[in-house]
Amino acid sequence: AVAAALTIFLEPSAAAGGIPELQAYLNGTHVRNFLRLRTIAVKITGTVLTVSSGLACGQEGPLIHIGAGIASGMTRGEKLYRKLFC
């Protein structure tokens, strides 16, 4: 219930599985709020709560979305670091 409430009220873009949105993003389609930090945080929390409660959940899609968000954040962080300190 907590994972569903987080997804519905805090970040609705975290509701999708992750793989189709990532494929669309890589093909050049703009997907709103797909790689935001809040989306990734809600996705991590929801996946951990769902899997630890024993519910049947495909972990592959959310983990691919989480990995893409972390990689995107790392590259954005490098650009921000260069802009601020170099």
C-alpha atoms as a PDB file:
ATOM      1  CA  ALA A   1       0.000   0.000   0.000  1.00  0.00           C
ATOM      2  CA  VAL A   2       2.886   2.367   0.752  1.00  0.00           C
ATOM      3  CA  ALA A   3       4.511   1.740  -2.638  1.00  0.00           C
ATOM      4  CA  ALA A   4       1.204   2.331  -4.424  1.00  0.00           C
ATOM      5  CA  ALA A   5       0.561   5.546  -2.480  1.00  0.00           C
ATOM      6  CA  LEU A   6       4.055   6.847  -3.293  1.00  0.00           C
ATOM      7  CA  THR A   7       3.572   6.085  -6.963  1.00  0.00           C
ATOM      8  CA  ILE A   8       0.076   7.546  -7.216  1.00  0.00           C
ATOM      9  CA  PHE A   9       0.512  10.717  -5.185  1.00  0.00           C
ATOM     10  CA  LEU A  10       4.221  11.551  -5.312  1.00  0.00           C
ATOM     11  CA  GLU A  11       5.445  10.477  -8.760  1.00  0.00           C
ATOM     12  CA  PRO A  12       2.931   8.939 -11.226  1.00  0.00           C
ATOM     13  CA  SER A  13       5.618   8.581 -13.910  1.00  0.00           C
ATOM     14  CA  ALA A  14       7.210   5.802 -11.816  1.00  0.00           C
ATOM     15  CA  ALA A  15       4.188   3.571 -12.448  1.00  0.00           C
ATOM     16  CA  ALA A  16       5.394   2.234 -15.783  1.00  0.00           C
ATOM     17  CA  GLY A  17       7.576  -0.836 -16.114  1.00  0.00           C
ATOM     18  CA  GLY A  18      10.627   0.912 -17.490  1.00  0.00           C
ATOM     19  CA  ILE A  19      11.726  -1.015 -20.570  1.00  0.00           C
ATOM     20  CA  PRO A  20       9.265   0.465 -23.140  1.00  0.00           C
ATOM     21  CA  GLU A  21       9.901   3.996 -21.859  1.00  0.00           C
ATOM     22  CA  LEU A  22      13.667   3.491 -22.017  1.00  0.00           C
ATOM     23  CA  GLN A  23      13.420   2.193 -25.577  1.00  0.00           C
ATOM     24  CA  ALA A  24      11.311   5.207 -26.560  1.00  0.00           C
ATOM     25  CA  TYR A  25      13.802   7.545 -24.871  1.00  0.00           C
ATOM     26  CA  LEU A  26      16.737   5.937 -26.672  1.00  0.00           C
ATOM     27  CA  ASN A  27      14.870   6.250 -29.986  1.00  0.00           C
ATOM     28  CA  GLY A  28      14.583  10.008 -29.463  1.00  0.00           C
ATOM     29  CA  THR A  29      11.080  10.344 -28.045  1.00  0.00           C
ATOM     30  CA  HIS A  30      10.738  12.808 -25.172  1.00  0.00           C
ATOM     31  CA  VAL A  31       9.326  10.969 -22.161  1.00  0.00           C
ATOM     32  CA  ARG A  32       8.287  13.423 -19.434  1.00  0.00           C
ATOM     33  CA  ASN A  33       9.880  13.015 -15.986  1.00  0.00           C
ATOM     34  CA  PHE A  34      11.397   9.689 -16.986  1.00  0.00           C
ATOM     35  CA  LEU A  35      14.871  10.110 -15.485  1.00  0.00           C
ATOM     36  CA  ARG A  36      14.190  12.547 -12.646  1.00  0.00           C
ATOM     37  CA  LEU A  37      15.739  11.853  -9.257  1.00  0.00           C
ATOM     38  CA  ARG A  38      12.315  11.721  -7.605  1.00  0.00           C
ATOM     39  CA  THR A  39      11.078   9.187 -10.163  1.00  0.00           C
ATOM     40  CA  ILE A  40      14.081   6.950  -9.564  1.00  0.00           C
ATOM     41  CA  ALA A  41      13.765   7.262  -5.756  1.00  0.00           C
ATOM     42  CA  VAL A  42      10.078   6.264  -5.875  1.00  0.00           C
ATOM     43  CA  LYS A  43      10.901   3.406  -8.271  1.00  0.00           C
ATOM     44  CA  ILE A  44      13.640   2.086  -5.922  1.00  0.00           C
ATOM     45  CA  THR A  45      11.415   2.358  -2.849  1.00  0.00           C
ATOM     46  CA  GLY A  46       8.444   0.740  -4.576  1.00  0.00           C
ATOM     47  CA  THR A  47      10.512  -2.123  -5.985  1.00  0.00           C
ATOM     48  CA  VAL A  48      12.165  -2.852  -2.640  1.00  0.00           C
ATOM     49  CA  LEU A  49       8.834  -2.792  -0.780  1.00  0.00           C
ATOM     50  CA  THR A  50       7.094  -4.934  -3.397  1.00  0.00           C
ATOM     51  CA  VAL A  51       9.793  -7.598  -3.610  1.00  0.00           C
ATOM     52  CA  SER A  52      10.395  -7.733   0.157  1.00  0.00           C
ATOM     53  CA  SER A  53       6.679  -8.213   0.830  1.00  0.00           C
ATOM     54  CA  GLY A  54       6.650 -11.322  -1.342  1.00  0.00           C
ATOM     55  CA  LEU A  55       4.429 -10.005  -4.123  1.00  0.00           C
ATOM     56  CA  ALA A  56       4.975 -11.282  -7.623  1.00  0.00           C
ATOM     57  CA  CYS A  57       6.778  -8.511  -9.451  1.00  0.00           C
ATOM     58  CA  GLY A  58       9.019  -8.582 -12.489  1.00  0.00           C
ATOM     59  CA  GLN A  59      12.211  -6.963 -11.228  1.00  0.00           C
ATOM     60  CA  GLU A  60      13.864  -6.654 -14.649  1.00  0.00           C
ATOM     61  CA  GLY A  61      11.890  -3.653 -15.908  1.00  0.00           C
ATOM     62  CA  PRO A  62      12.208  -1.536 -12.768  1.00  0.00           C
ATOM     63  CA  LEU A  63      15.895  -2.370 -12.405  1.00  0.00           C
ATOM     64  CA  ILE A  64      16.604  -1.313 -15.986  1.00  0.00           C
ATOM     65  CA  HIS A  65      14.770   1.969 -15.335  1.00  0.00           C
ATOM     66  CA  ILE A  66      16.715   2.470 -12.076  1.00  0.00           C
ATOM     67  CA  GLY A  67      20.039   1.754 -13.804  1.00  0.00           C
ATOM     68  CA  ALA A  68      19.261   4.221 -16.591  1.00  0.00           C
ATOM     69  CA  GLY A  69      18.325   6.871 -14.041  1.00  0.00           C
ATOM     70  CA  ILE A  70      21.519   6.373 -12.061  1.00  0.00           C
ATOM     71  CA  ALA A  71      23.644   6.534 -15.218  1.00  0.00           C
ATOM     72  CA  SER A  72      21.821   9.664 -16.372  1.00  0.00           C
ATOM     73  CA  GLY A  73      22.306  11.274 -12.971  1.00  0.00           C
ATOM     74  CA  MET A  74      26.004  10.471 -13.004  1.00  0.00           C
ATOM     75  CA  THR A  75      26.506  12.101 -16.397  1.00  0.00           C
ATOM     76  CA  ARG A  76      24.441  15.140 -15.394  1.00  0.00           C
ATOM     77  CA  GLY A  77      26.425  15.378 -12.173  1.00  0.00           C
ATOM     78  CA  GLU A  78      29.681  15.408 -14.128  1.00  0.00           C
ATOM     79  CA  LYS A  79      28.415  18.251 -16.322  1.00  0.00           C
ATOM     80  CA  LEU A  80      27.278  20.191 -13.257  1.00  0.00           C
ATOM     81  CA  TYR A  81      30.627  19.566 -11.572  1.00  0.00           C
ATOM     82  CA  ARG A  82      32.517  20.836 -14.623  1.00  0.00           C
ATOM     83  CA  LYS A  83      30.274  23.890 -14.877  1.00  0.00           C
ATOM     84  CA  LEU A  84      30.745  24.801 -11.211  1.00  0.00           C
ATOM     85  CA  PHE A  85      34.376  23.930 -10.573  1.00  0.00           C
ATOM     86  CA  CYS A  86      36.259  24.075 -13.892  1.00  0.00           C
END
